[in-house]
Every structure is written in structure tokens, then in C-alpha cells.
Amino acid sequence: MEKFDRLTAVAIPLPLANLDTDMIIPARYMKALDRAGLGTHLFRELRYSPDGAERPDFILNRGEGRKARIIVGGSNFGCGSSREHAVWALTDFGIRCVIAPSFGDIFAGNARKNGLLLIRLPESTCERLREEIALSQLAPVTVDLGEQRITLASGETIPFDVDPDDRRTLLEGLDDIARTLRHERAITRFEAGA
């Protein structure tokens, strides 16, 4: 898993409440077991018309929005059915961080396992962030996980808290297997009956 320490990148406002996993990636694209290429189907129904043409009004299809690595979403982001593919589609597109007031529980667990940083902030703060991002014409935002601070193009900083275990896992780039292997000696001793 790729380490996450500090990211300076384009952030996009996506103020949709209850954006479910089917909107993140429709079920018909979940047959693949390979994560590569899933980003092309990210927000499929929002990004493309039924004939497959890009919708020019959707933010990820315009200018700097194409380079987005951070999403500032609405409440209950990633709700709905259990689809690890939703996280895979986000990360394959290049999204490294989602900031929202709340997240679907299963989505949050899948994000943690796949190196996608989720930051929970109050709705009023998310709204202010989305407004600032839009006013700055998608100027880069910095998310510093080590310092637990977001810095906007204006210089304004916004503190955030992340679960200490999740923070360490992301800072060190550890997936569940790598975390388990850190205890390999103790596991071997236990299995040997020592």
C-alpha cells in the first residue's frame, strides 16, 4: 500500500449527500477482479451520457478537475452496498483523500484497507471548503496527515483528527497483511506452543 504523508493536489467540490457505492461505480463494472482501469468507470452515470460521451458540465471532465486527487463530498459518502470496487475506482482514478461530514461504514472500512484517507469534518466546514475550492478555481489544497492539517490556497488551515491506528497505517503504508507480518515472530512462537 502506498504511504500517505502529505498531499498537495487539486481538490474538487462534490456536494452530493448520500452518494452511494453504485453511483461511485455501477454494479455492471464490478465483474473485474483487477483494480487497474476501474477509474474509467468512476462516477459513470455522472461523468458520461448514456451514449458514452463525457458530460462537459461534470467537474472531473473539466480542466483542472481532471487532475483531482482530493474530493470534498457531502454527508454519508459511500453509503449503500458493500463494494470494495468503489474504493478501487476512486484510487485507480487517482483520488487519495475524501473529506466529508460522514461516510458509509463499510466504505470506510474498505478505504482504510486500501490506503484511501477519509477525513470527517462538520458539514459547515465541508461547505466552506467546497466554496473556497470553487472560488480559488481549483487551486491546490494540501492535506498533511502527519500534522493532521488541511491548508487551503488562501493559507487558511483546518485541523482534523484521524483514528491513531488508521493514521499510523497510512503514514507507514501498511495493509492488513503487512501489519500482521510485523508480529510474525510472536505468531510463530504462539503456533509452536511457546
N, C-alpha and C. Protein backbone atom coordinates (compact mmCIF):
# COMPACT_ATOMS: atom_id res chain seq x y z
N MET A 1 0.85 -1.18 0.00
CA MET A 1 0.00 0.00 0.00
C MET A 1 0.89 1.24 0.00
N GLU A 2 0.53 2.23 -0.79
CA GLU A 2 1.30 3.45 -0.88
C GLU A 2 1.17 4.28 0.40
N LYS A 3 2.29 4.82 0.86
CA LYS A 3 2.28 5.66 2.05
C LYS A 3 1.53 6.96 1.76
N PHE A 4 0.93 7.52 2.79
CA PHE A 4 0.27 8.81 2.68
C PHE A 4 0.80 9.67 3.81
N ASP A 5 1.54 10.72 3.46
CA ASP A 5 2.04 11.64 4.47
C ASP A 5 1.47 13.03 4.21
N ARG A 6 1.85 13.57 3.07
CA ARG A 6 1.42 14.93 2.72
C ARG A 6 1.07 14.94 1.24
N LEU A 7 -0.05 15.53 0.91
CA LEU A 7 -0.51 15.58 -0.47
C LEU A 7 -0.92 17.01 -0.80
N THR A 8 -0.31 17.57 -1.83
CA THR A 8 -0.72 18.86 -2.37
C THR A 8 -1.27 18.58 -3.76
N ALA A 9 -2.56 18.84 -3.93
CA ALA A 9 -3.21 18.46 -5.18
C ALA A 9 -4.51 19.23 -5.38
N VAL A 10 -5.06 19.07 -6.56
CA VAL A 10 -6.36 19.66 -6.88
C VAL A 10 -7.43 18.94 -6.06
N ALA A 11 -8.30 19.73 -5.46
CA ALA A 11 -9.46 19.20 -4.74
C ALA A 11 -10.71 19.67 -5.49
N ILE A 12 -11.70 18.80 -5.54
CA ILE A 12 -12.96 19.19 -6.19
C ILE A 12 -14.10 19.17 -5.19
N PRO A 13 -15.03 20.12 -5.33
CA PRO A 13 -16.24 20.07 -4.52
C PRO A 13 -17.25 19.13 -5.17
N LEU A 14 -17.78 18.22 -4.40
CA LEU A 14 -18.80 17.28 -4.89
C LEU A 14 -19.88 17.19 -3.81
N PRO A 15 -20.74 18.22 -3.72
CA PRO A 15 -21.68 18.35 -2.60
C PRO A 15 -22.92 17.48 -2.71
N LEU A 16 -22.74 16.20 -2.97
CA LEU A 16 -23.87 15.28 -3.10
C LEU A 16 -24.00 14.45 -1.83
N ALA A 17 -25.10 14.61 -1.12
CA ALA A 17 -25.35 13.79 0.07
C ALA A 17 -25.78 12.39 -0.38
N ASN A 18 -25.45 11.41 0.43
CA ASN A 18 -25.85 10.02 0.19
C ASN A 18 -25.36 9.49 -1.16
N LEU A 19 -24.15 9.86 -1.54
CA LEU A 19 -23.55 9.36 -2.78
C LEU A 19 -23.17 7.90 -2.53
N ASP A 20 -23.97 7.00 -3.06
CA ASP A 20 -23.78 5.58 -2.72
C ASP A 20 -22.75 4.91 -3.62
N THR A 21 -22.40 3.69 -3.23
CA THR A 21 -21.35 2.96 -3.95
C THR A 21 -21.76 2.67 -5.39
N ASP A 22 -23.06 2.56 -5.67
CA ASP A 22 -23.49 2.33 -7.05
C ASP A 22 -23.27 3.57 -7.91
N MET A 23 -23.32 4.76 -7.31
CA MET A 23 -23.01 5.98 -8.05
C MET A 23 -21.50 6.12 -8.22
N ILE A 24 -20.74 5.62 -7.25
CA ILE A 24 -19.29 5.69 -7.37
C ILE A 24 -18.83 4.78 -8.51
N ILE A 25 -19.34 3.54 -8.54
CA ILE A 25 -19.09 2.63 -9.67
C ILE A 25 -20.29 1.70 -9.80
N PRO A 26 -20.98 1.75 -10.93
CA PRO A 26 -22.14 0.89 -11.13
C PRO A 26 -21.78 -0.60 -11.08
N ALA A 27 -22.72 -1.41 -10.64
CA ALA A 27 -22.51 -2.85 -10.46
C ALA A 27 -22.03 -3.53 -11.73
N ARG A 28 -22.46 -3.06 -12.88
CA ARG A 28 -22.09 -3.74 -14.13
C ARG A 28 -20.59 -3.69 -14.41
N TYR A 29 -19.86 -2.84 -13.71
CA TYR A 29 -18.40 -2.74 -13.91
C TYR A 29 -17.63 -3.47 -12.81
N MET A 30 -18.34 -4.22 -11.99
CA MET A 30 -17.68 -4.88 -10.86
C MET A 30 -17.32 -6.34 -11.14
N LYS A 31 -17.38 -6.76 -12.37
CA LYS A 31 -17.04 -8.14 -12.71
C LYS A 31 -15.53 -8.36 -12.70
N ALA A 32 -14.79 -7.30 -12.89
CA ALA A 32 -13.33 -7.40 -12.95
C ALA A 32 -12.75 -7.62 -11.55
N LEU A 33 -11.73 -8.44 -11.49
CA LEU A 33 -11.00 -8.65 -10.24
C LEU A 33 -9.75 -7.79 -10.19
N ASP A 34 -9.38 -7.24 -11.32
CA ASP A 34 -8.21 -6.38 -11.41
C ASP A 34 -8.65 -4.93 -11.17
N ARG A 35 -7.92 -4.25 -10.32
CA ARG A 35 -8.28 -2.86 -9.99
C ARG A 35 -7.95 -1.90 -11.13
N ALA A 36 -6.94 -2.24 -11.91
CA ALA A 36 -6.50 -1.35 -12.99
C ALA A 36 -7.63 -1.12 -13.98
N GLY A 37 -7.86 0.14 -14.28
CA GLY A 37 -8.88 0.50 -15.25
C GLY A 37 -10.24 0.84 -14.65
N LEU A 38 -10.44 0.54 -13.36
CA LEU A 38 -11.74 0.84 -12.75
C LEU A 38 -12.00 2.34 -12.66
N GLY A 39 -10.94 3.14 -12.63
CA GLY A 39 -11.10 4.59 -12.57
C GLY A 39 -11.84 5.17 -13.76
N THR A 40 -11.80 4.47 -14.89
CA THR A 40 -12.53 4.96 -16.07
C THR A 40 -14.04 4.91 -15.85
N HIS A 41 -14.48 4.10 -14.90
CA HIS A 41 -15.91 3.96 -14.61
C HIS A 41 -16.34 4.74 -13.37
N LEU A 42 -15.40 5.47 -12.75
CA LEU A 42 -15.71 6.27 -11.57
C LEU A 42 -16.82 7.28 -11.89
N PHE A 43 -17.85 7.31 -11.06
CA PHE A 43 -18.99 8.22 -11.24
C PHE A 43 -19.56 8.13 -12.66
N ARG A 44 -19.61 6.93 -13.18
CA ARG A 44 -20.00 6.68 -14.58
C ARG A 44 -21.28 7.42 -14.98
N GLU A 45 -22.31 7.32 -14.16
CA GLU A 45 -23.59 7.93 -14.52
C GLU A 45 -23.55 9.46 -14.46
N LEU A 46 -22.63 10.00 -13.68
CA LEU A 46 -22.48 11.45 -13.57
C LEU A 46 -21.53 12.00 -14.64
N ARG A 47 -20.49 11.23 -14.97
CA ARG A 47 -19.45 11.70 -15.90
C ARG A 47 -19.81 11.51 -17.37
N TYR A 48 -20.65 10.52 -17.65
CA TYR A 48 -20.92 10.18 -19.06
C TYR A 48 -22.42 10.16 -19.34
N SER A 49 -22.77 10.50 -20.56
CA SER A 49 -24.16 10.39 -21.00
C SER A 49 -24.42 8.94 -21.39
N PRO A 50 -25.68 8.55 -21.60
CA PRO A 50 -25.99 7.16 -21.95
C PRO A 50 -25.25 6.65 -23.20
N ASP A 51 -24.90 7.57 -24.12
CA ASP A 51 -24.18 7.13 -25.33
C ASP A 51 -22.67 7.03 -25.12
N GLY A 52 -22.21 7.30 -23.88
CA GLY A 52 -20.79 7.16 -23.55
C GLY A 52 -19.98 8.44 -23.70
N ALA A 53 -20.59 9.51 -24.15
CA ALA A 53 -19.88 10.79 -24.29
C ALA A 53 -19.71 11.45 -22.92
N GLU A 54 -18.56 12.10 -22.73
CA GLU A 54 -18.35 12.83 -21.48
C GLU A 54 -19.36 13.95 -21.34
N ARG A 55 -19.83 14.13 -20.11
CA ARG A 55 -20.70 15.28 -19.82
C ARG A 55 -19.77 16.45 -19.49
N PRO A 56 -19.72 17.48 -20.33
CA PRO A 56 -18.76 18.57 -20.12
C PRO A 56 -19.02 19.38 -18.86
N ASP A 57 -20.23 19.27 -18.29
CA ASP A 57 -20.55 20.03 -17.09
C ASP A 57 -20.10 19.33 -15.81
N PHE A 58 -19.68 18.06 -15.89
CA PHE A 58 -19.25 17.36 -14.67
C PHE A 58 -17.82 17.75 -14.34
N ILE A 59 -17.57 18.06 -13.09
CA ILE A 59 -16.30 18.67 -12.67
C ILE A 59 -15.06 17.82 -12.99
N LEU A 60 -15.16 16.51 -12.95
CA LEU A 60 -13.99 15.68 -13.27
C LEU A 60 -13.69 15.64 -14.77
N ASN A 61 -14.57 16.20 -15.56
CA ASN A 61 -14.38 16.23 -17.02
C ASN A 61 -13.89 17.59 -17.51
N ARG A 62 -13.58 18.51 -16.58
CA ARG A 62 -13.20 19.86 -16.97
C ARG A 62 -11.82 20.23 -16.44
N GLY A 63 -10.99 20.79 -17.27
CA GLY A 63 -9.72 21.41 -16.90
C GLY A 63 -9.00 20.76 -15.73
N GLU A 64 -8.80 21.56 -14.69
CA GLU A 64 -8.07 21.10 -13.50
C GLU A 64 -8.78 19.96 -12.78
N GLY A 65 -10.09 19.88 -12.94
CA GLY A 65 -10.85 18.81 -12.30
C GLY A 65 -10.37 17.43 -12.71
N ARG A 66 -9.84 17.32 -13.92
CA ARG A 66 -9.30 16.03 -14.40
C ARG A 66 -8.10 15.57 -13.57
N LYS A 67 -7.45 16.52 -12.90
CA LYS A 67 -6.26 16.20 -12.10
C LYS A 67 -6.57 16.01 -10.62
N ALA A 68 -7.84 16.01 -10.27
CA ALA A 68 -8.23 15.96 -8.85
C ALA A 68 -7.67 14.73 -8.16
N ARG A 69 -7.20 14.93 -6.94
CA ARG A 69 -6.73 13.85 -6.08
C ARG A 69 -7.46 13.87 -4.74
N ILE A 70 -8.26 14.94 -4.53
CA ILE A 70 -8.99 15.13 -3.28
C ILE A 70 -10.44 15.48 -3.64
N ILE A 71 -11.38 14.86 -2.94
CA ILE A 71 -12.80 15.17 -3.10
C ILE A 71 -13.33 15.70 -1.78
N VAL A 72 -14.07 16.81 -1.84
CA VAL A 72 -14.79 17.30 -0.67
C VAL A 72 -16.26 17.01 -0.95
N GLY A 73 -16.76 15.96 -0.33
CA GLY A 73 -18.09 15.45 -0.62
C GLY A 73 -19.14 15.86 0.39
N GLY A 74 -20.32 15.30 0.19
CA GLY A 74 -21.44 15.53 1.09
C GLY A 74 -21.54 14.44 2.13
N SER A 75 -22.54 14.55 2.98
CA SER A 75 -22.70 13.58 4.07
C SER A 75 -23.04 12.19 3.54
N ASN A 76 -22.64 11.19 4.31
CA ASN A 76 -22.92 9.79 4.02
C ASN A 76 -22.28 9.34 2.70
N PHE A 77 -21.09 9.84 2.42
CA PHE A 77 -20.36 9.49 1.21
C PHE A 77 -20.04 8.00 1.24
N GLY A 78 -20.33 7.30 0.16
CA GLY A 78 -20.01 5.88 0.08
C GLY A 78 -20.99 4.97 0.80
N CYS A 79 -22.21 5.44 1.00
CA CYS A 79 -23.21 4.59 1.65
C CYS A 79 -23.65 3.50 0.67
N GLY A 80 -24.48 2.60 1.13
CA GLY A 80 -25.01 1.57 0.24
C GLY A 80 -24.33 0.24 0.43
N SER A 81 -24.38 -0.55 -0.62
CA SER A 81 -23.90 -1.93 -0.53
C SER A 81 -22.38 -2.00 -0.41
N SER A 82 -21.93 -3.16 0.03
CA SER A 82 -20.50 -3.40 0.23
C SER A 82 -19.82 -3.60 -1.11
N ARG A 83 -19.07 -2.61 -1.53
CA ARG A 83 -18.36 -2.68 -2.80
C ARG A 83 -16.96 -2.14 -2.63
N GLU A 84 -16.02 -3.04 -2.47
CA GLU A 84 -14.64 -2.59 -2.40
C GLU A 84 -14.23 -1.96 -3.72
N HIS A 85 -14.91 -2.34 -4.79
CA HIS A 85 -14.65 -1.77 -6.10
C HIS A 85 -14.83 -0.24 -6.09
N ALA A 86 -15.70 0.27 -5.23
CA ALA A 86 -15.91 1.72 -5.16
C ALA A 86 -14.61 2.41 -4.74
N VAL A 87 -13.94 1.87 -3.74
CA VAL A 87 -12.66 2.43 -3.31
C VAL A 87 -11.62 2.22 -4.40
N TRP A 88 -11.62 1.05 -5.01
CA TRP A 88 -10.66 0.77 -6.09
C TRP A 88 -10.83 1.74 -7.24
N ALA A 89 -12.08 2.07 -7.60
CA ALA A 89 -12.32 3.01 -8.70
C ALA A 89 -11.79 4.40 -8.34
N LEU A 90 -12.02 4.83 -7.11
CA LEU A 90 -11.51 6.13 -6.67
C LEU A 90 -9.98 6.17 -6.73
N THR A 91 -9.34 5.15 -6.16
CA THR A 91 -7.87 5.16 -6.12
C THR A 91 -7.27 4.95 -7.51
N ASP A 92 -7.91 4.16 -8.36
CA ASP A 92 -7.39 3.97 -9.71
C ASP A 92 -7.48 5.27 -10.51
N PHE A 93 -8.49 6.07 -10.25
CA PHE A 93 -8.61 7.38 -10.90
C PHE A 93 -7.51 8.32 -10.40
N GLY A 94 -7.04 8.09 -9.18
CA GLY A 94 -6.01 8.94 -8.58
C GLY A 94 -6.44 9.64 -7.31
N ILE A 95 -7.66 9.42 -6.87
CA ILE A 95 -8.15 10.05 -5.64
C ILE A 95 -7.42 9.42 -4.45
N ARG A 96 -6.82 10.25 -3.60
CA ARG A 96 -6.09 9.78 -2.42
C ARG A 96 -6.79 10.14 -1.12
N CYS A 97 -7.73 11.11 -1.18
CA CYS A 97 -8.36 11.61 0.04
C CYS A 97 -9.79 12.07 -0.26
N VAL A 98 -10.71 11.70 0.63
CA VAL A 98 -12.08 12.20 0.56
C VAL A 98 -12.40 12.86 1.90
N ILE A 99 -12.90 14.08 1.82
CA ILE A 99 -13.28 14.85 3.00
C ILE A 99 -14.80 14.99 2.96
N ALA A 100 -15.46 14.62 4.04
CA ALA A 100 -16.92 14.68 4.09
C ALA A 100 -17.38 14.68 5.54
N PRO A 101 -18.64 15.06 5.78
CA PRO A 101 -19.17 15.02 7.15
C PRO A 101 -19.31 13.61 7.71
N SER A 102 -19.60 12.64 6.83
CA SER A 102 -19.76 11.26 7.29
C SER A 102 -19.58 10.32 6.09
N PHE A 103 -19.35 9.05 6.42
CA PHE A 103 -19.10 8.03 5.40
C PHE A 103 -19.90 6.78 5.73
N GLY A 104 -20.24 6.03 4.70
CA GLY A 104 -20.83 4.72 4.92
C GLY A 104 -19.83 3.85 5.67
N ASP A 105 -20.31 3.07 6.65
CA ASP A 105 -19.41 2.28 7.49
C ASP A 105 -18.57 1.28 6.70
N ILE A 106 -19.19 0.54 5.80
CA ILE A 106 -18.45 -0.47 5.04
C ILE A 106 -17.46 0.21 4.10
N PHE A 107 -17.88 1.30 3.48
CA PHE A 107 -16.99 2.06 2.61
C PHE A 107 -15.76 2.53 3.39
N ALA A 108 -15.98 3.02 4.61
CA ALA A 108 -14.87 3.50 5.44
C ALA A 108 -13.88 2.37 5.73
N GLY A 109 -14.39 1.18 6.03
CA GLY A 109 -13.51 0.04 6.27
C GLY A 109 -12.72 -0.33 5.03
N ASN A 110 -13.37 -0.32 3.88
CA ASN A 110 -12.68 -0.63 2.63
C ASN A 110 -11.63 0.43 2.29
N ALA A 111 -11.94 1.69 2.57
CA ALA A 111 -10.99 2.78 2.32
C ALA A 111 -9.73 2.58 3.16
N ARG A 112 -9.93 2.28 4.43
CA ARG A 112 -8.81 2.07 5.35
C ARG A 112 -7.90 0.95 4.85
N LYS A 113 -8.48 -0.12 4.34
CA LYS A 113 -7.71 -1.27 3.87
C LYS A 113 -6.98 -1.01 2.55
N ASN A 114 -7.37 0.04 1.85
CA ASN A 114 -6.81 0.30 0.53
C ASN A 114 -6.07 1.63 0.41
N GLY A 115 -5.77 2.26 1.54
CA GLY A 115 -4.93 3.45 1.53
C GLY A 115 -5.61 4.74 1.12
N LEU A 116 -6.94 4.78 1.17
CA LEU A 116 -7.68 6.00 0.85
C LEU A 116 -7.96 6.73 2.16
N LEU A 117 -7.42 7.93 2.30
CA LEU A 117 -7.62 8.72 3.52
C LEU A 117 -9.01 9.33 3.53
N LEU A 118 -9.75 9.07 4.60
CA LEU A 118 -11.06 9.69 4.81
C LEU A 118 -10.95 10.66 5.97
N ILE A 119 -11.40 11.89 5.76
CA ILE A 119 -11.37 12.91 6.80
C ILE A 119 -12.80 13.35 7.06
N ARG A 120 -13.22 13.23 8.32
CA ARG A 120 -14.56 13.67 8.72
C ARG A 120 -14.47 15.08 9.31
N LEU A 121 -15.25 15.98 8.72
CA LEU A 121 -15.34 17.35 9.22
C LEU A 121 -16.81 17.74 9.28
N PRO A 122 -17.16 18.69 10.14
CA PRO A 122 -18.56 19.13 10.21
C PRO A 122 -19.06 19.62 8.85
N GLU A 123 -20.36 19.47 8.63
CA GLU A 123 -20.97 19.90 7.36
C GLU A 123 -20.63 21.35 7.05
N SER A 124 -20.69 22.23 8.05
CA SER A 124 -20.41 23.65 7.81
C SER A 124 -18.97 23.86 7.34
N THR A 125 -18.04 23.09 7.86
CA THR A 125 -16.64 23.19 7.44
C THR A 125 -16.47 22.66 6.02
N CYS A 126 -17.13 21.54 5.72
CA CYS A 126 -17.07 20.99 4.36
C CYS A 126 -17.66 21.97 3.36
N GLU A 127 -18.75 22.61 3.74
CA GLU A 127 -19.38 23.59 2.85
C GLU A 127 -18.43 24.76 2.59
N ARG A 128 -17.77 25.23 3.64
CA ARG A 128 -16.80 26.32 3.49
C ARG A 128 -15.63 25.89 2.60
N LEU A 129 -15.17 24.65 2.79
CA LEU A 129 -14.09 24.12 1.95
C LEU A 129 -14.51 24.08 0.48
N ARG A 130 -15.70 23.56 0.23
CA ARG A 130 -16.18 23.48 -1.16
C ARG A 130 -16.27 24.86 -1.79
N GLU A 131 -16.75 25.84 -1.02
CA GLU A 131 -16.85 27.21 -1.53
C GLU A 131 -15.47 27.79 -1.83
N GLU A 132 -14.54 27.59 -0.91
CA GLU A 132 -13.18 28.11 -1.08
C GLU A 132 -12.51 27.47 -2.31
N ILE A 133 -12.70 26.18 -2.47
CA ILE A 133 -12.12 25.48 -3.62
C ILE A 133 -12.69 26.02 -4.92
N ALA A 134 -13.99 26.22 -4.96
CA ALA A 134 -14.63 26.76 -6.17
C ALA A 134 -14.16 28.18 -6.45
N LEU A 135 -14.06 29.01 -5.42
CA LEU A 135 -13.62 30.40 -5.60
C LEU A 135 -12.17 30.47 -6.06
N SER A 136 -11.35 29.54 -5.61
CA SER A 136 -9.93 29.55 -5.99
C SER A 136 -9.70 28.91 -7.35
N GLN A 137 -10.79 28.52 -8.02
CA GLN A 137 -10.73 27.85 -9.33
C GLN A 137 -9.88 26.59 -9.27
N LEU A 138 -10.13 25.81 -8.24
CA LEU A 138 -9.49 24.51 -8.01
C LEU A 138 -7.99 24.61 -7.78
N ALA A 139 -7.56 25.70 -7.12
CA ALA A 139 -6.15 25.81 -6.74
C ALA A 139 -5.81 24.67 -5.79
N PRO A 140 -4.56 24.20 -5.82
CA PRO A 140 -4.19 23.06 -4.98
C PRO A 140 -4.44 23.28 -3.48
N VAL A 141 -4.77 22.19 -2.84
CA VAL A 141 -5.00 22.12 -1.40
C VAL A 141 -3.97 21.14 -0.85
N THR A 142 -3.49 21.39 0.37
CA THR A 142 -2.54 20.46 0.99
C THR A 142 -3.20 19.74 2.15
N VAL A 143 -3.12 18.42 2.13
CA VAL A 143 -3.58 17.59 3.23
C VAL A 143 -2.33 16.99 3.86
N ASP A 144 -2.06 17.37 5.10
CA ASP A 144 -0.89 16.89 5.82
C ASP A 144 -1.36 15.93 6.91
N LEU A 145 -1.22 14.65 6.67
CA LEU A 145 -1.69 13.65 7.63
C LEU A 145 -0.82 13.65 8.88
N GLY A 146 0.48 13.84 8.72
CA GLY A 146 1.37 13.87 9.88
C GLY A 146 0.97 14.95 10.87
N GLU A 147 0.67 16.13 10.35
CA GLU A 147 0.27 17.27 11.19
C GLU A 147 -1.24 17.33 11.40
N GLN A 148 -1.98 16.50 10.69
CA GLN A 148 -3.45 16.49 10.73
C GLN A 148 -4.00 17.90 10.49
N ARG A 149 -3.64 18.39 9.27
CA ARG A 149 -4.00 19.77 8.93
C ARG A 149 -4.23 19.87 7.42
N ILE A 150 -5.27 20.60 7.05
CA ILE A 150 -5.55 20.93 5.65
C ILE A 150 -5.19 22.39 5.46
N THR A 151 -4.45 22.70 4.40
CA THR A 151 -4.10 24.08 4.10
C THR A 151 -4.69 24.44 2.74
N LEU A 152 -5.50 25.48 2.73
CA LEU A 152 -6.14 25.94 1.50
C LEU A 152 -5.22 26.89 0.75
N ALA A 153 -5.55 27.18 -0.50
CA ALA A 153 -4.76 28.09 -1.31
C ALA A 153 -4.67 29.47 -0.67
N SER A 154 -5.69 29.85 0.09
CA SER A 154 -5.71 31.15 0.77
C SER A 154 -4.75 31.20 1.96
N GLY A 155 -4.23 30.04 2.36
CA GLY A 155 -3.37 29.96 3.53
C GLY A 155 -4.11 29.53 4.78
N GLU A 156 -5.43 29.53 4.72
CA GLU A 156 -6.23 29.09 5.87
C GLU A 156 -5.92 27.62 6.17
N THR A 157 -5.82 27.30 7.45
CA THR A 157 -5.59 25.90 7.84
C THR A 157 -6.79 25.39 8.63
N ILE A 158 -7.07 24.11 8.41
CA ILE A 158 -8.19 23.45 9.09
C ILE A 158 -7.65 22.18 9.72
N PRO A 159 -7.72 22.08 11.05
CA PRO A 159 -7.25 20.86 11.70
C PRO A 159 -8.27 19.73 11.54
N PHE A 160 -7.78 18.51 11.59
CA PHE A 160 -8.66 17.34 11.56
C PHE A 160 -8.06 16.24 12.42
N ASP A 161 -8.89 15.32 12.82
CA ASP A 161 -8.45 14.16 13.59
C ASP A 161 -8.73 12.89 12.79
N VAL A 162 -7.80 11.98 12.86
CA VAL A 162 -7.96 10.66 12.25
C VAL A 162 -7.63 9.65 13.34
N ASP A 163 -8.34 8.54 13.34
CA ASP A 163 -8.07 7.46 14.29
C ASP A 163 -6.56 7.19 14.30
N PRO A 164 -5.92 7.15 15.49
CA PRO A 164 -4.47 6.97 15.56
C PRO A 164 -3.96 5.73 14.83
N ASP A 165 -4.70 4.63 14.91
CA ASP A 165 -4.27 3.41 14.22
C ASP A 165 -4.36 3.58 12.70
N ASP A 166 -5.44 4.19 12.23
CA ASP A 166 -5.58 4.46 10.80
C ASP A 166 -4.48 5.40 10.32
N ARG A 167 -4.19 6.40 11.12
CA ARG A 167 -3.15 7.38 10.77
C ARG A 167 -1.80 6.69 10.61
N ARG A 168 -1.44 5.88 11.58
CA ARG A 168 -0.16 5.16 11.53
C ARG A 168 -0.10 4.23 10.31
N THR A 169 -1.20 3.52 10.07
CA THR A 169 -1.27 2.60 8.94
C THR A 169 -1.02 3.34 7.62
N LEU A 170 -1.66 4.49 7.45
CA LEU A 170 -1.49 5.26 6.22
C LEU A 170 -0.10 5.89 6.12
N LEU A 171 0.38 6.46 7.23
CA LEU A 171 1.71 7.07 7.21
C LEU A 171 2.80 6.06 6.86
N GLU A 172 2.63 4.83 7.32
CA GLU A 172 3.64 3.79 7.08
C GLU A 172 3.34 2.96 5.84
N GLY A 173 2.17 3.15 5.25
CA GLY A 173 1.81 2.41 4.05
C GLY A 173 1.60 0.93 4.29
N LEU A 174 0.95 0.59 5.40
CA LEU A 174 0.77 -0.81 5.78
C LEU A 174 -0.64 -1.29 5.48
N ASP A 175 -0.74 -2.39 4.75
CA ASP A 175 -2.04 -3.02 4.60
C ASP A 175 -2.18 -4.06 5.72
N ASP A 176 -3.31 -4.76 5.75
CA ASP A 176 -3.56 -5.73 6.83
C ASP A 176 -2.49 -6.81 6.89
N ILE A 177 -2.03 -7.28 5.74
CA ILE A 177 -1.01 -8.34 5.72
C ILE A 177 0.30 -7.82 6.27
N ALA A 178 0.72 -6.63 5.84
CA ALA A 178 1.97 -6.05 6.34
C ALA A 178 1.90 -5.81 7.85
N ARG A 179 0.74 -5.40 8.34
CA ARG A 179 0.59 -5.19 9.78
C ARG A 179 0.71 -6.51 10.53
N THR A 180 0.12 -7.56 9.97
CA THR A 180 0.20 -8.89 10.60
C THR A 180 1.63 -9.39 10.59
N LEU A 181 2.34 -9.19 9.48
CA LEU A 181 3.71 -9.67 9.37
C LEU A 181 4.65 -8.99 10.37
N ARG A 182 4.28 -7.83 10.86
CA ARG A 182 5.09 -7.19 11.90
C ARG A 182 5.14 -8.03 13.18
N HIS A 183 4.18 -8.92 13.33
CA HIS A 183 4.09 -9.77 14.52
C HIS A 183 4.44 -11.22 14.19
N GLU A 184 5.15 -11.42 13.10
CA GLU A 184 5.44 -12.77 12.62
C GLU A 184 6.15 -13.62 13.67
N ARG A 185 7.13 -13.07 14.34
CA ARG A 185 7.87 -13.85 15.35
C ARG A 185 6.95 -14.30 16.48
N ALA A 186 6.12 -13.38 16.96
CA ALA A 186 5.20 -13.72 18.05
C ALA A 186 4.19 -14.77 17.58
N ILE A 187 3.74 -14.66 16.35
CA ILE A 187 2.80 -15.64 15.81
C ILE A 187 3.46 -17.00 15.71
N THR A 188 4.70 -17.02 15.23
CA THR A 188 5.43 -18.29 15.09
C THR A 188 5.64 -18.93 16.45
N ARG A 189 6.01 -18.13 17.46
CA ARG A 189 6.19 -18.66 18.82
C ARG A 189 4.88 -19.22 19.35
N PHE A 190 3.79 -18.51 19.14
CA PHE A 190 2.49 -18.96 19.60
C PHE A 190 2.11 -20.27 18.94
N GLU A 191 2.30 -20.35 17.63
CA GLU A 191 1.95 -21.57 16.91
C GLU A 191 2.81 -22.76 17.33
N ALA A 192 4.03 -22.46 17.76
CA ALA A 192 4.93 -23.52 18.21
C ALA A 192 4.63 -23.92 19.66
N GLY A 193 3.71 -23.21 20.28
CA GLY A 193 3.32 -23.54 21.65
C GLY A 193 4.24 -22.95 22.70
N ALA A 194 5.03 -21.98 22.32
CA ALA A 194 5.97 -21.37 23.27
C ALA A 194 5.30 -20.33 24.12
